């Protein structure tokens, strides 16, 4: 739910990547009774997007091991491309399917 905590406060390794954090979000959602599906997520700390490991962000912000970092996430759009195997339409001026 927007703005609500997904679970309890957790301690995660600073080497965690967005993909690993996404797997953690999926597990927390399943534990709370949500449907199991793998969705890519974008993670933010203080409205700054985290594209690499948490350690990169911590180094930029000069955070210590004693600091608490609140992360927010949002699902990313998933685009799937379907292969075209057969075309059944013709265009004027063409005798075969296009």
C-alpha atoms as a PDB file:
ATOM      1  CA  UNK A   1       0.000   0.000   0.000  1.00  0.00           C
ATOM      2  CA  UNK A   2       1.307   3.452  -0.822  1.00  0.00           C
ATOM      3  CA  UNK A   3       3.497   4.789   1.962  1.00  0.00           C
ATOM      4  CA  UNK A   4       2.916   1.822   4.275  1.00  0.00           C
ATOM      5  CA  UNK A   5       5.728  -0.328   5.591  1.00  0.00           C
ATOM      6  CA  UNK A   6       6.024  -3.621   3.742  1.00  0.00           C
ATOM      7  CA  UNK A   7       7.451  -5.459   6.718  1.00  0.00           C
ATOM      8  CA  UNK A   8       9.639  -5.030   9.766  1.00  0.00           C
ATOM      9  CA  UNK A   9      12.875  -3.069   9.720  1.00  0.00           C
ATOM     10  CA  UNK A  10      15.559  -5.318   8.237  1.00  0.00           C
ATOM     11  CA  UNK A  11      19.317  -5.327   8.126  1.00  0.00           C
ATOM     12  CA  UNK A  12      20.561  -6.040   4.600  1.00  0.00           C
ATOM     13  CA  UNK A  13      24.123  -6.291   3.280  1.00  0.00           C
ATOM     14  CA  UNK A  14      25.502  -3.123   1.703  1.00  0.00           C
ATOM     15  CA  UNK A  15      26.483  -5.213  -1.312  1.00  0.00           C
ATOM     16  CA  UNK A  16      22.774  -5.731  -2.124  1.00  0.00           C
ATOM     17  CA  UNK A  17      21.809  -4.822  -5.677  1.00  0.00           C
ATOM     18  CA  UNK A  18      18.374  -3.667  -6.852  1.00  0.00           C
ATOM     19  CA  UNK A  19      17.700  -7.196  -8.155  1.00  0.00           C
ATOM     20  CA  UNK A  20      18.422  -8.672  -4.714  1.00  0.00           C
ATOM     21  CA  UNK A  21      16.292  -6.018  -3.027  1.00  0.00           C
ATOM     22  CA  UNK A  22      13.502  -6.834  -5.511  1.00  0.00           C
ATOM     23  CA  UNK A  23      13.665 -10.510  -4.534  1.00  0.00           C
ATOM     24  CA  UNK A  24      13.378  -9.441  -0.891  1.00  0.00           C
ATOM     25  CA  UNK A  25      10.321  -7.277  -1.683  1.00  0.00           C
ATOM     26  CA  UNK A  26       8.692 -10.218  -3.485  1.00  0.00           C
ATOM     27  CA  UNK A  27       9.296 -12.487  -0.461  1.00  0.00           C
ATOM     28  CA  UNK A  28       7.890  -9.889   1.939  1.00  0.00           C
ATOM     29  CA  UNK A  29       4.803  -9.466  -0.247  1.00  0.00           C
ATOM     30  CA  UNK A  30       4.246 -13.235  -0.343  1.00  0.00           C
ATOM     31  CA  UNK A  31       4.637 -13.374   3.455  1.00  0.00           C
ATOM     32  CA  UNK A  32       1.926 -10.722   3.784  1.00  0.00           C
ATOM     33  CA  UNK A  33      -0.458 -12.763   1.632  1.00  0.00           C
ATOM     34  CA  UNK A  34      -0.012 -11.080  -1.744  1.00  0.00           C
ATOM     35  CA  UNK A  35       0.052 -12.982  -5.014  1.00  0.00           C
ATOM     36  CA  UNK A  36       3.445 -14.425  -5.968  1.00  0.00           C
ATOM     37  CA  UNK A  37       4.853 -12.723  -9.060  1.00  0.00           C
ATOM     38  CA  UNK A  38       8.292 -11.542  -9.993  1.00  0.00           C
ATOM     39  CA  UNK A  39       8.206  -7.819 -10.739  1.00  0.00           C
ATOM     40  CA  UNK A  40      11.187  -5.535 -11.327  1.00  0.00           C
ATOM     41  CA  UNK A  41      11.347  -2.588  -8.934  1.00  0.00           C
ATOM     42  CA  UNK A  42      13.085   0.772  -8.735  1.00  0.00           C
ATOM     43  CA  UNK A  43      14.462   1.664  -5.287  1.00  0.00           C
ATOM     44  CA  UNK A  44      14.857   5.143  -3.839  1.00  0.00           C
ATOM     45  CA  UNK A  45      16.568   6.583  -0.790  1.00  0.00           C
ATOM     46  CA  UNK A  46      15.719  10.208  -0.039  1.00  0.00           C
ATOM     47  CA  UNK A  47      14.194  10.447  -3.554  1.00  0.00           C
ATOM     48  CA  UNK A  48      17.521   9.403  -5.121  1.00  0.00           C
ATOM     49  CA  UNK A  49      17.253   6.332  -7.317  1.00  0.00           C
ATOM     50  CA  UNK A  50      19.588   3.502  -6.368  1.00  0.00           C
ATOM     51  CA  UNK A  51      20.897   1.916  -9.570  1.00  0.00           C
ATOM     52  CA  UNK A  52      23.871   0.040  -8.131  1.00  0.00           C
ATOM     53  CA  UNK A  53      24.753  -1.597  -4.853  1.00  0.00           C
ATOM     54  CA  UNK A  54      23.690   0.042  -1.602  1.00  0.00           C
ATOM     55  CA  UNK A  55      27.377   0.449  -0.769  1.00  0.00           C
ATOM     56  CA  UNK A  56      27.758   2.896  -3.685  1.00  0.00           C
ATOM     57  CA  UNK A  57      24.954   5.068  -2.335  1.00  0.00           C
ATOM     58  CA  UNK A  58      26.287   4.816   1.228  1.00  0.00           C
ATOM     59  CA  UNK A  59      29.740   5.949   0.061  1.00  0.00           C
ATOM     60  CA  UNK A  60      28.274   8.920  -1.856  1.00  0.00           C
ATOM     61  CA  UNK A  61      26.238  10.026   1.173  1.00  0.00           C
ATOM     62  CA  UNK A  62      29.048   9.266   3.658  1.00  0.00           C
ATOM     63  CA  UNK A  63      26.837   6.942   5.684  1.00  0.00           C
ATOM     64  CA  UNK A  64      28.256   4.761   8.438  1.00  0.00           C
ATOM     65  CA  UNK A  65      27.280   1.258   9.468  1.00  0.00           C
ATOM     66  CA  UNK A  66      25.233   2.748  12.303  1.00  0.00           C
ATOM     67  CA  UNK A  67      22.970   4.827  10.035  1.00  0.00           C
ATOM     68  CA  UNK A  68      19.461   3.692   9.176  1.00  0.00           C
ATOM     69  CA  UNK A  69      18.420   4.043   5.566  1.00  0.00           C
ATOM     70  CA  UNK A  70      14.743   4.079   4.620  1.00  0.00           C
ATOM     71  CA  UNK A  71      14.133   2.718   1.126  1.00  0.00           C
ATOM     72  CA  UNK A  72      11.040   3.153  -0.976  1.00  0.00           C
ATOM     73  CA  UNK A  73      10.220   1.127  -4.054  1.00  0.00           C
ATOM     74  CA  UNK A  74       7.948   1.291  -7.047  1.00  0.00           C
ATOM     75  CA  UNK A  75       7.194  -1.385  -9.620  1.00  0.00           C
ATOM     76  CA  UNK A  76       8.642  -0.874 -13.077  1.00  0.00           C
ATOM     77  CA  UNK A  77       6.651  -1.437 -16.252  1.00  0.00           C
ATOM     78  CA  UNK A  78       7.228  -4.796 -17.888  1.00  0.00           C
ATOM     79  CA  UNK A  79       7.148  -4.867 -21.663  1.00  0.00           C
ATOM     80  CA  UNK A  80       6.990  -8.176 -23.439  1.00  0.00           C
ATOM     81  CA  UNK A  81       7.595  -8.572 -27.152  1.00  0.00           C
ATOM     82  CA  UNK A  82       5.676 -11.257 -28.962  1.00  0.00           C
ATOM     83  CA  UNK A  83       7.144 -12.870 -32.013  1.00  0.00           C
ATOM     84  CA  UNK A  84       5.163 -12.600 -35.233  1.00  0.00           C
ATOM     85  CA  UNK A  85       4.916 -16.006 -36.826  1.00  0.00           C
ATOM     86  CA  UNK A  86       2.324 -15.451 -39.525  1.00  0.00           C
ATOM     87  CA  UNK A  87       0.761 -12.496 -41.292  1.00  0.00           C
ATOM     88  CA  UNK A  88      -2.663 -12.800 -42.863  1.00  0.00           C
ATOM     89  CA  UNK A  89      -3.246  -9.304 -44.262  1.00  0.00           C
ATOM     90  CA  UNK A  90      -2.324  -7.920 -47.653  1.00  0.00           C
ATOM     91  CA  UNK A  91      -1.707  -4.360 -48.775  1.00  0.00           C
ATOM     92  CA  UNK A  92      -2.980  -2.853 -52.015  1.00  0.00           C
ATOM     93  CA  UNK A  93      -0.384  -3.381 -54.746  1.00  0.00           C
ATOM     94  CA  UNK A  94       1.035  -6.515 -53.099  1.00  0.00           C
ATOM     95  CA  UNK A  95      -0.040  -9.987 -54.106  1.00  0.00           C
ATOM     96  CA  UNK A  96       1.357 -11.753 -51.022  1.00  0.00           C
ATOM     97  CA  UNK A  97       0.901 -11.266 -47.313  1.00  0.00           C
ATOM     98  CA  UNK A  98       3.000  -8.473 -45.886  1.00  0.00           C
END
